Amino acid sequence: HEPEDCPLLDKEGTAQQRSGVGIVLYISADRGDIQRDVQLLARRMQNPTEWDRKRLIRLARYLKGTRSFGVVMHTPKSKEKNKVYLDMYSDTDFAGCTETRRAMTCGTLWLYDEPFSSFARRQGPQTTSSGQAEFYGGTSVVMDGVCVKDVLKWLGYEVEWKLWFD
């Protein structure tokens, strides 16, 4: 957690922070492993602190050590022609944001046991229980899954899909 007396960055530091966060925002579309950190950094772009700068540096060092990570799609090895298996995973932390008390949802879509798409986003409504937060998180993942399912159906595939909660 950020210390309460952490100083704000100066004008030049703020510009560098915003530029760095913009770069990791671009990269995060293909890197599900950094999406939660990027979402937390992006939330603090108006008034970044020294703590945020250190978090961005730590993320950059992690990225440097994991250059080969990303999404690779392989040809499906299904025995059933034109059938696709779509698994949707949802994980939500209830009231994780100390400022707004909103939950954070992380979701991943998998095709044929390989990651296809992922996200980390703060929930819009303020939930009153962990069950309600999980329900909203699952709904968010299903909405992304519906888009993918509809495109796959349009391409001529039969889609079998499941939602998984923790």
N, C-alpha and C. Protein backbone atom coordinates (compact mmCIF):
# COMPACT_ATOMS: atom_id res chain seq x y z
N HIS A 1 0.83 -1.19 0.00
CA HIS A 1 0.00 0.00 0.00
C HIS A 1 0.87 1.25 0.00
N GLU A 2 0.36 2.28 -0.64
CA GLU A 2 1.09 3.52 -0.77
C GLU A 2 1.16 4.25 0.57
N PRO A 3 2.35 4.75 0.94
CA PRO A 3 2.44 5.55 2.16
C PRO A 3 1.64 6.84 2.02
N GLU A 4 1.08 7.33 3.12
CA GLU A 4 0.24 8.52 3.08
C GLU A 4 1.01 9.79 2.73
N ASP A 5 2.29 9.87 3.08
CA ASP A 5 3.07 11.08 2.85
C ASP A 5 3.90 11.01 1.56
N CYS A 6 3.49 10.19 0.60
CA CYS A 6 4.24 10.02 -0.64
C CYS A 6 4.08 11.27 -1.52
N PRO A 7 5.20 11.89 -1.94
CA PRO A 7 5.12 13.14 -2.71
C PRO A 7 4.63 12.93 -4.14
N LEU A 8 3.95 13.95 -4.67
CA LEU A 8 3.53 13.96 -6.06
C LEU A 8 4.75 14.16 -6.95
N LEU A 9 4.69 13.67 -8.17
CA LEU A 9 5.77 13.89 -9.13
C LEU A 9 5.71 15.32 -9.64
N ASP A 10 6.87 15.86 -10.02
CA ASP A 10 6.89 17.20 -10.62
C ASP A 10 6.36 17.12 -12.05
N LYS A 11 6.33 18.27 -12.74
CA LYS A 11 5.74 18.33 -14.09
C LYS A 11 6.45 17.38 -15.06
N GLU A 12 7.76 17.35 -15.04
CA GLU A 12 8.52 16.48 -15.93
C GLU A 12 8.31 15.00 -15.57
N GLY A 13 8.31 14.71 -14.28
CA GLY A 13 8.08 13.34 -13.82
C GLY A 13 6.68 12.85 -14.18
N THR A 14 5.70 13.76 -14.08
CA THR A 14 4.32 13.41 -14.44
C THR A 14 4.23 13.10 -15.92
N ALA A 15 4.90 13.88 -16.77
CA ALA A 15 4.89 13.64 -18.22
C ALA A 15 5.54 12.28 -18.54
N GLN A 16 6.65 11.97 -17.88
CA GLN A 16 7.31 10.68 -18.10
C GLN A 16 6.42 9.53 -17.63
N GLN A 17 5.76 9.71 -16.51
CA GLN A 17 4.88 8.67 -15.97
C GLN A 17 3.73 8.40 -16.94
N ARG A 18 3.12 9.46 -17.45
CA ARG A 18 2.00 9.30 -18.39
C ARG A 18 2.45 8.62 -19.67
N SER A 19 3.63 8.95 -20.15
CA SER A 19 4.17 8.31 -21.35
C SER A 19 4.41 6.82 -21.10
N GLY A 20 5.00 6.50 -19.97
CA GLY A 20 5.26 5.10 -19.62
C GLY A 20 3.98 4.30 -19.46
N VAL A 21 2.98 4.89 -18.82
CA VAL A 21 1.71 4.20 -18.64
C VAL A 21 1.02 4.00 -19.99
N GLY A 22 1.15 4.97 -20.88
CA GLY A 22 0.59 4.82 -22.22
C GLY A 22 1.22 3.64 -22.96
N ILE A 23 2.51 3.46 -22.80
CA ILE A 23 3.20 2.35 -23.45
C ILE A 23 2.72 1.02 -22.89
N VAL A 24 2.64 0.89 -21.57
CA VAL A 24 2.20 -0.39 -21.00
C VAL A 24 0.71 -0.64 -21.27
N LEU A 25 -0.08 0.43 -21.42
CA LEU A 25 -1.48 0.24 -21.83
C LEU A 25 -1.54 -0.43 -23.20
N TYR A 26 -0.71 0.01 -24.11
CA TYR A 26 -0.65 -0.57 -25.45
C TYR A 26 -0.23 -2.04 -25.39
N ILE A 27 0.78 -2.34 -24.60
CA ILE A 27 1.30 -3.69 -24.48
C ILE A 27 0.30 -4.62 -23.80
N SER A 28 -0.48 -4.10 -22.86
CA SER A 28 -1.33 -4.94 -22.03
C SER A 28 -2.42 -5.68 -22.80
N ALA A 29 -2.75 -5.25 -24.01
CA ALA A 29 -3.75 -5.98 -24.80
C ALA A 29 -3.30 -7.41 -25.08
N ASP A 30 -1.98 -7.62 -25.19
CA ASP A 30 -1.45 -8.95 -25.46
C ASP A 30 -0.83 -9.60 -24.24
N ARG A 31 -0.85 -8.94 -23.12
CA ARG A 31 -0.19 -9.45 -21.92
C ARG A 31 -1.16 -9.45 -20.74
N GLY A 32 -1.91 -10.53 -20.61
CA GLY A 32 -2.87 -10.65 -19.51
C GLY A 32 -2.21 -10.61 -18.15
N ASP A 33 -0.94 -10.98 -18.06
CA ASP A 33 -0.24 -11.02 -16.79
C ASP A 33 0.04 -9.63 -16.20
N ILE A 34 -0.07 -8.58 -17.00
CA ILE A 34 0.20 -7.23 -16.47
C ILE A 34 -1.04 -6.35 -16.40
N GLN A 35 -2.18 -6.85 -16.83
CA GLN A 35 -3.36 -6.00 -16.96
C GLN A 35 -3.83 -5.39 -15.65
N ARG A 36 -3.76 -6.12 -14.56
CA ARG A 36 -4.21 -5.55 -13.28
C ARG A 36 -3.29 -4.40 -12.87
N ASP A 37 -1.98 -4.59 -12.98
CA ASP A 37 -1.05 -3.51 -12.62
C ASP A 37 -1.24 -2.29 -13.52
N VAL A 38 -1.45 -2.52 -14.80
CA VAL A 38 -1.65 -1.41 -15.73
C VAL A 38 -2.93 -0.65 -15.39
N GLN A 39 -3.98 -1.39 -15.03
CA GLN A 39 -5.24 -0.73 -14.66
C GLN A 39 -5.04 0.14 -13.43
N LEU A 40 -4.29 -0.35 -12.46
CA LEU A 40 -4.02 0.44 -11.25
C LEU A 40 -3.17 1.67 -11.57
N LEU A 41 -2.19 1.54 -12.45
CA LEU A 41 -1.36 2.68 -12.84
C LEU A 41 -2.18 3.71 -13.63
N ALA A 42 -3.02 3.25 -14.53
CA ALA A 42 -3.80 4.16 -15.36
C ALA A 42 -4.79 4.97 -14.53
N ARG A 43 -5.25 4.39 -13.45
CA ARG A 43 -6.19 5.09 -12.58
C ARG A 43 -5.56 6.29 -11.90
N ARG A 44 -4.24 6.31 -11.79
CA ARG A 44 -3.54 7.36 -11.05
C ARG A 44 -2.79 8.34 -11.95
N MET A 45 -3.18 8.47 -13.20
CA MET A 45 -2.42 9.31 -14.13
C MET A 45 -2.60 10.81 -13.91
N GLN A 46 -3.69 11.21 -13.29
CA GLN A 46 -3.90 12.65 -13.10
C GLN A 46 -2.90 13.23 -12.11
N ASN A 47 -2.70 12.55 -10.99
CA ASN A 47 -1.77 13.03 -9.96
C ASN A 47 -0.85 11.89 -9.52
N PRO A 48 0.09 11.48 -10.37
CA PRO A 48 0.96 10.36 -9.99
C PRO A 48 1.94 10.75 -8.88
N THR A 49 2.25 9.77 -8.06
CA THR A 49 3.18 9.99 -6.94
C THR A 49 4.47 9.22 -7.18
N GLU A 50 5.41 9.42 -6.30
CA GLU A 50 6.67 8.68 -6.35
C GLU A 50 6.40 7.18 -6.23
N TRP A 51 5.41 6.80 -5.47
CA TRP A 51 5.02 5.39 -5.32
C TRP A 51 4.60 4.81 -6.68
N ASP A 52 3.81 5.59 -7.45
CA ASP A 52 3.37 5.15 -8.77
C ASP A 52 4.56 5.00 -9.72
N ARG A 53 5.52 5.91 -9.63
CA ARG A 53 6.72 5.83 -10.46
C ARG A 53 7.48 4.54 -10.16
N LYS A 54 7.61 4.20 -8.89
CA LYS A 54 8.31 2.97 -8.51
C LYS A 54 7.55 1.74 -9.00
N ARG A 55 6.22 1.79 -8.95
CA ARG A 55 5.40 0.67 -9.45
C ARG A 55 5.62 0.49 -10.96
N LEU A 56 5.70 1.60 -11.70
CA LEU A 56 5.93 1.53 -13.15
C LEU A 56 7.32 0.97 -13.45
N ILE A 57 8.32 1.38 -12.70
CA ILE A 57 9.68 0.87 -12.88
C ILE A 57 9.71 -0.64 -12.61
N ARG A 58 9.05 -1.08 -11.56
CA ARG A 58 9.00 -2.50 -11.24
C ARG A 58 8.32 -3.29 -12.37
N LEU A 59 7.25 -2.71 -12.95
CA LEU A 59 6.56 -3.35 -14.07
C LEU A 59 7.47 -3.41 -15.30
N ALA A 60 8.20 -2.34 -15.57
CA ALA A 60 9.12 -2.33 -16.72
C ALA A 60 10.20 -3.40 -16.55
N ARG A 61 10.71 -3.56 -15.35
CA ARG A 61 11.72 -4.60 -15.11
C ARG A 61 11.13 -5.99 -15.30
N TYR A 62 9.89 -6.18 -14.87
CA TYR A 62 9.22 -7.46 -15.08
C TYR A 62 9.06 -7.73 -16.57
N LEU A 63 8.64 -6.71 -17.33
CA LEU A 63 8.47 -6.87 -18.77
C LEU A 63 9.78 -7.22 -19.46
N LYS A 64 10.85 -6.60 -19.01
CA LYS A 64 12.17 -6.88 -19.59
C LYS A 64 12.54 -8.35 -19.39
N GLY A 65 12.18 -8.91 -18.26
CA GLY A 65 12.51 -10.31 -17.97
C GLY A 65 11.55 -11.31 -18.58
N THR A 66 10.44 -10.83 -19.14
CA THR A 66 9.43 -11.74 -19.70
C THR A 66 9.10 -11.35 -21.15
N ARG A 67 10.11 -11.02 -21.91
CA ARG A 67 9.90 -10.56 -23.29
C ARG A 67 9.20 -11.58 -24.17
N SER A 68 9.39 -12.85 -23.88
CA SER A 68 8.81 -13.90 -24.74
C SER A 68 7.36 -14.21 -24.42
N PHE A 69 6.79 -13.58 -23.40
CA PHE A 69 5.40 -13.85 -23.04
C PHE A 69 4.47 -13.17 -24.03
N GLY A 70 3.29 -13.74 -24.22
CA GLY A 70 2.30 -13.16 -25.12
C GLY A 70 1.24 -14.19 -25.45
N VAL A 71 0.42 -13.90 -26.41
CA VAL A 71 -0.65 -14.80 -26.83
C VAL A 71 -0.24 -15.44 -28.15
N VAL A 72 -0.25 -16.76 -28.18
CA VAL A 72 0.06 -17.50 -29.40
C VAL A 72 -1.13 -18.42 -29.68
N MET A 73 -1.69 -18.30 -30.86
CA MET A 73 -2.81 -19.14 -31.23
C MET A 73 -2.30 -20.30 -32.10
N HIS A 74 -2.72 -21.50 -31.73
CA HIS A 74 -2.37 -22.69 -32.50
C HIS A 74 -3.61 -23.20 -33.24
N THR A 75 -3.40 -24.04 -34.22
CA THR A 75 -4.50 -24.67 -34.92
C THR A 75 -5.20 -25.61 -33.95
N PRO A 76 -6.51 -25.53 -33.84
CA PRO A 76 -7.24 -26.40 -32.91
C PRO A 76 -7.01 -27.88 -33.21
N LYS A 77 -6.91 -28.67 -32.16
CA LYS A 77 -6.70 -30.11 -32.31
C LYS A 77 -7.97 -30.86 -31.92
N SER A 78 -9.09 -30.37 -32.37
CA SER A 78 -10.37 -30.97 -32.04
C SER A 78 -10.71 -32.06 -33.05
N LYS A 79 -11.30 -33.14 -32.55
CA LYS A 79 -11.75 -34.20 -33.43
C LYS A 79 -13.08 -33.83 -34.09
N GLU A 80 -13.75 -32.86 -33.53
CA GLU A 80 -15.04 -32.44 -34.05
C GLU A 80 -14.83 -31.21 -34.94
N LYS A 81 -15.08 -31.38 -36.21
CA LYS A 81 -14.87 -30.29 -37.15
C LYS A 81 -15.90 -29.19 -36.90
N ASN A 82 -15.45 -27.95 -36.95
CA ASN A 82 -16.29 -26.76 -36.79
C ASN A 82 -16.93 -26.63 -35.41
N LYS A 83 -16.32 -27.24 -34.38
CA LYS A 83 -16.80 -27.06 -33.02
C LYS A 83 -15.71 -26.40 -32.19
N VAL A 84 -16.07 -25.37 -31.46
CA VAL A 84 -15.12 -24.60 -30.66
C VAL A 84 -15.54 -24.67 -29.19
N TYR A 85 -14.55 -24.84 -28.31
CA TYR A 85 -14.80 -24.83 -26.87
C TYR A 85 -14.27 -23.52 -26.30
N LEU A 86 -15.16 -22.74 -25.73
CA LEU A 86 -14.83 -21.43 -25.16
C LEU A 86 -15.05 -21.50 -23.65
N ASP A 87 -13.96 -21.36 -22.90
CA ASP A 87 -14.04 -21.33 -21.43
C ASP A 87 -13.80 -19.91 -20.97
N MET A 88 -14.67 -19.43 -20.09
CA MET A 88 -14.57 -18.06 -19.57
C MET A 88 -14.30 -18.15 -18.07
N TYR A 89 -13.24 -17.50 -17.61
CA TYR A 89 -12.86 -17.52 -16.20
C TYR A 89 -13.03 -16.13 -15.61
N SER A 90 -13.61 -16.07 -14.41
CA SER A 90 -13.84 -14.81 -13.72
C SER A 90 -13.27 -14.88 -12.31
N ASP A 91 -12.59 -13.83 -11.90
CA ASP A 91 -12.11 -13.70 -10.53
C ASP A 91 -12.30 -12.25 -10.11
N THR A 92 -12.89 -12.05 -8.97
CA THR A 92 -13.22 -10.70 -8.49
C THR A 92 -12.72 -10.51 -7.07
N ASP A 93 -12.12 -9.35 -6.81
CA ASP A 93 -11.78 -9.02 -5.42
C ASP A 93 -12.79 -7.99 -4.94
N PHE A 94 -13.48 -8.33 -3.87
CA PHE A 94 -14.56 -7.50 -3.33
C PHE A 94 -14.00 -6.26 -2.65
N ALA A 95 -14.46 -5.09 -3.09
CA ALA A 95 -14.12 -3.79 -2.49
C ALA A 95 -12.62 -3.60 -2.35
N GLY A 96 -11.87 -4.00 -3.38
CA GLY A 96 -10.42 -3.92 -3.33
C GLY A 96 -9.87 -2.51 -3.38
N CYS A 97 -10.59 -1.57 -4.00
CA CYS A 97 -10.12 -0.20 -4.09
C CYS A 97 -10.45 0.53 -2.79
N THR A 98 -9.42 1.00 -2.10
CA THR A 98 -9.65 1.66 -0.80
C THR A 98 -10.31 3.03 -0.96
N GLU A 99 -10.17 3.65 -2.14
CA GLU A 99 -10.76 4.98 -2.35
C GLU A 99 -12.25 4.90 -2.66
N THR A 100 -12.64 4.02 -3.58
CA THR A 100 -14.04 3.96 -4.03
C THR A 100 -14.80 2.77 -3.47
N ARG A 101 -14.09 1.81 -2.87
CA ARG A 101 -14.67 0.56 -2.36
C ARG A 101 -15.31 -0.27 -3.47
N ARG A 102 -14.85 -0.09 -4.71
CA ARG A 102 -15.37 -0.88 -5.83
C ARG A 102 -14.53 -2.14 -6.00
N ALA A 103 -15.15 -3.15 -6.53
CA ALA A 103 -14.48 -4.42 -6.78
C ALA A 103 -13.72 -4.35 -8.10
N MET A 104 -12.73 -5.21 -8.23
CA MET A 104 -11.95 -5.35 -9.47
C MET A 104 -12.24 -6.73 -10.03
N THR A 105 -12.54 -6.81 -11.32
CA THR A 105 -12.78 -8.08 -11.99
C THR A 105 -11.66 -8.36 -12.98
N CYS A 106 -11.14 -9.57 -12.92
CA CYS A 106 -10.19 -10.04 -13.92
C CYS A 106 -10.86 -11.21 -14.63
N GLY A 107 -10.82 -11.19 -15.95
CA GLY A 107 -11.45 -12.25 -16.72
C GLY A 107 -10.54 -12.72 -17.83
N THR A 108 -10.67 -14.00 -18.18
CA THR A 108 -9.88 -14.58 -19.25
C THR A 108 -10.77 -15.49 -20.09
N LEU A 109 -10.63 -15.40 -21.40
CA LEU A 109 -11.34 -16.28 -22.32
C LEU A 109 -10.32 -17.24 -22.92
N TRP A 110 -10.64 -18.52 -22.93
CA TRP A 110 -9.76 -19.54 -23.46
C TRP A 110 -10.46 -20.29 -24.59
N LEU A 111 -9.76 -20.49 -25.70
CA LEU A 111 -10.23 -21.32 -26.80
C LEU A 111 -9.34 -22.55 -26.87
N TYR A 112 -9.94 -23.73 -26.81
CA TYR A 112 -9.17 -24.98 -26.89
C TYR A 112 -8.03 -24.99 -25.88
N ASP A 113 -8.30 -24.65 -24.65
CA ASP A 113 -7.31 -24.70 -23.57
C ASP A 113 -6.11 -23.79 -23.78
N GLU A 114 -6.29 -22.72 -24.55
CA GLU A 114 -5.25 -21.71 -24.72
C GLU A 114 -5.84 -20.33 -24.48
N PRO A 115 -5.11 -19.44 -23.81
CA PRO A 115 -5.65 -18.10 -23.55
C PRO A 115 -5.86 -17.34 -24.86
N PHE A 116 -7.00 -16.69 -24.95
CA PHE A 116 -7.36 -15.95 -26.16
C PHE A 116 -7.47 -14.46 -25.88
N SER A 117 -8.10 -14.12 -24.77
CA SER A 117 -8.34 -12.72 -24.44
C SER A 117 -8.44 -12.59 -22.92
N SER A 118 -8.06 -11.43 -22.40
CA SER A 118 -8.18 -11.21 -20.97
C SER A 118 -8.36 -9.73 -20.68
N PHE A 119 -8.81 -9.43 -19.47
CA PHE A 119 -8.98 -8.04 -19.06
C PHE A 119 -8.91 -7.94 -17.55
N ALA A 120 -8.69 -6.72 -17.09
CA ALA A 120 -8.79 -6.37 -15.66
C ALA A 120 -9.49 -5.02 -15.63
N ARG A 121 -10.64 -4.97 -14.99
CA ARG A 121 -11.38 -3.70 -14.94
C ARG A 121 -12.10 -3.54 -13.60
N ARG A 122 -12.23 -2.31 -13.22
CA ARG A 122 -12.95 -1.98 -12.00
C ARG A 122 -14.44 -2.02 -12.30
N GLN A 123 -15.21 -2.58 -11.37
CA GLN A 123 -16.65 -2.66 -11.57
C GLN A 123 -17.29 -1.29 -11.42
N GLY A 124 -18.32 -1.03 -12.21
CA GLY A 124 -19.02 0.25 -12.15
C GLY A 124 -19.80 0.45 -10.86
N PRO A 125 -20.71 -0.46 -10.54
CA PRO A 125 -21.50 -0.27 -9.30
C PRO A 125 -20.71 -0.66 -8.07
N GLN A 126 -21.04 -0.04 -6.97
CA GLN A 126 -20.42 -0.39 -5.69
C GLN A 126 -21.23 -1.55 -5.12
N THR A 127 -20.59 -2.70 -4.94
CA THR A 127 -21.29 -3.88 -4.48
C THR A 127 -21.33 -3.94 -2.95
N THR A 128 -22.31 -4.68 -2.43
CA THR A 128 -22.48 -4.74 -0.97
C THR A 128 -22.05 -6.08 -0.39
N SER A 129 -21.66 -7.04 -1.24
CA SER A 129 -21.18 -8.33 -0.74
C SER A 129 -20.25 -8.96 -1.77
N SER A 130 -19.47 -9.93 -1.32
CA SER A 130 -18.55 -10.59 -2.24
C SER A 130 -19.33 -11.41 -3.27
N GLY A 131 -20.48 -11.97 -2.88
CA GLY A 131 -21.31 -12.72 -3.82
C GLY A 131 -21.83 -11.83 -4.94
N GLN A 132 -22.26 -10.64 -4.58
CA GLN A 132 -22.75 -9.69 -5.58
C GLN A 132 -21.61 -9.26 -6.51
N ALA A 133 -20.43 -9.04 -5.96
CA ALA A 133 -19.27 -8.67 -6.77
C ALA A 133 -18.91 -9.80 -7.74
N GLU A 134 -18.94 -11.05 -7.28
CA GLU A 134 -18.66 -12.19 -8.14
C GLU A 134 -19.70 -12.29 -9.26
N PHE A 135 -20.98 -12.02 -8.94
CA PHE A 135 -22.04 -12.06 -9.94
C PHE A 135 -21.79 -11.01 -11.03
N TYR A 136 -21.49 -9.77 -10.62
CA TYR A 136 -21.20 -8.72 -11.59
C TYR A 136 -19.97 -9.05 -12.41
N GLY A 137 -18.94 -9.64 -11.77
CA GLY A 137 -17.73 -10.02 -12.48
C GLY A 137 -18.01 -11.09 -13.52
N GLY A 138 -18.79 -12.10 -13.14
CA GLY A 138 -19.16 -13.15 -14.09
C GLY A 138 -19.94 -12.60 -15.26
N THR A 139 -20.84 -11.66 -14.98
CA THR A 139 -21.62 -11.03 -16.04
C THR A 139 -20.71 -10.29 -17.02
N SER A 140 -19.71 -9.61 -16.50
CA SER A 140 -18.77 -8.88 -17.34
C SER A 140 -18.00 -9.83 -18.25
N VAL A 141 -17.56 -10.96 -17.71
CA VAL A 141 -16.82 -11.93 -18.51
C VAL A 141 -17.74 -12.53 -19.59
N VAL A 142 -18.98 -12.83 -19.22
CA VAL A 142 -19.92 -13.40 -20.19
C VAL A 142 -20.20 -12.41 -21.32
N MET A 143 -20.27 -11.12 -21.01
CA MET A 143 -20.51 -10.13 -22.08
C MET A 143 -19.36 -10.15 -23.09
N ASP A 144 -18.12 -10.27 -22.63
CA ASP A 144 -17.00 -10.40 -23.55
C ASP A 144 -17.11 -11.72 -24.33
N GLY A 145 -17.50 -12.78 -23.62
CA GLY A 145 -17.64 -14.09 -24.26
C GLY A 145 -18.73 -14.11 -25.32
N VAL A 146 -19.81 -13.37 -25.10
CA VAL A 146 -20.89 -13.32 -26.09
C VAL A 146 -20.37 -12.73 -27.40
N CYS A 147 -19.55 -11.70 -27.31
CA CYS A 147 -18.98 -11.10 -28.52
C CYS A 147 -18.13 -12.11 -29.28
N VAL A 148 -17.25 -12.81 -28.57
CA VAL A 148 -16.38 -13.81 -29.20
C VAL A 148 -17.23 -14.95 -29.77
N LYS A 149 -18.22 -15.41 -29.01
CA LYS A 149 -19.08 -16.50 -29.46
C LYS A 149 -19.83 -16.11 -30.74
N ASP A 150 -20.35 -14.89 -30.78
CA ASP A 150 -21.08 -14.45 -31.97
C ASP A 150 -20.20 -14.37 -33.21
N VAL A 151 -18.96 -13.92 -33.05
CA VAL A 151 -18.03 -13.88 -34.18
C VAL A 151 -17.71 -15.30 -34.64
N LEU A 152 -17.47 -16.21 -33.70
CA LEU A 152 -17.17 -17.59 -34.07
C LEU A 152 -18.36 -18.25 -34.76
N LYS A 153 -19.57 -17.97 -34.29
CA LYS A 153 -20.77 -18.52 -34.94
C LYS A 153 -20.91 -17.93 -36.35
N TRP A 154 -20.61 -16.67 -36.50
CA TRP A 154 -20.67 -16.02 -37.80
C TRP A 154 -19.67 -16.66 -38.77
N LEU A 155 -18.53 -17.11 -38.23
CA LEU A 155 -17.52 -17.78 -39.05
C LEU A 155 -17.88 -19.25 -39.34
N GLY A 156 -19.01 -19.71 -38.79
CA GLY A 156 -19.48 -21.06 -39.09
C GLY A 156 -19.16 -22.12 -38.05
N TYR A 157 -18.70 -21.72 -36.87
CA TYR A 157 -18.38 -22.67 -35.82
C TYR A 157 -19.56 -22.87 -34.88
N GLU A 158 -19.67 -24.09 -34.38
CA GLU A 158 -20.59 -24.37 -33.26
C GLU A 158 -19.78 -24.10 -32.00
N VAL A 159 -20.35 -23.35 -31.05
CA VAL A 159 -19.59 -22.94 -29.86
C VAL A 159 -20.21 -23.57 -28.62
N GLU A 160 -19.36 -24.29 -27.87
CA GLU A 160 -19.76 -24.78 -26.55
C GLU A 160 -18.99 -23.94 -25.54
N TRP A 161 -19.72 -23.27 -24.65
CA TRP A 161 -19.05 -22.34 -23.75
C TRP A 161 -19.46 -22.58 -22.31
N LYS A 162 -18.50 -22.28 -21.41
CA LYS A 162 -18.72 -22.46 -19.97
C LYS A 162 -18.12 -21.27 -19.23
N LEU A 163 -18.76 -20.92 -18.12
CA LEU A 163 -18.24 -19.88 -17.24
C LEU A 163 -17.73 -20.53 -15.98
N TRP A 164 -16.52 -20.15 -15.57
CA TRP A 164 -15.89 -20.70 -14.37
C TRP A 164 -15.66 -19.58 -13.36
N PHE A 165 -16.07 -19.81 -12.11
CA PHE A 165 -15.84 -18.87 -11.00
C PHE A 165 -14.84 -19.49 -10.04
N ASP A 166 -14.24 -18.65 -9.21
CA ASP A 166 -13.36 -19.21 -8.17
C ASP A 166 -14.18 -19.61 -6.96
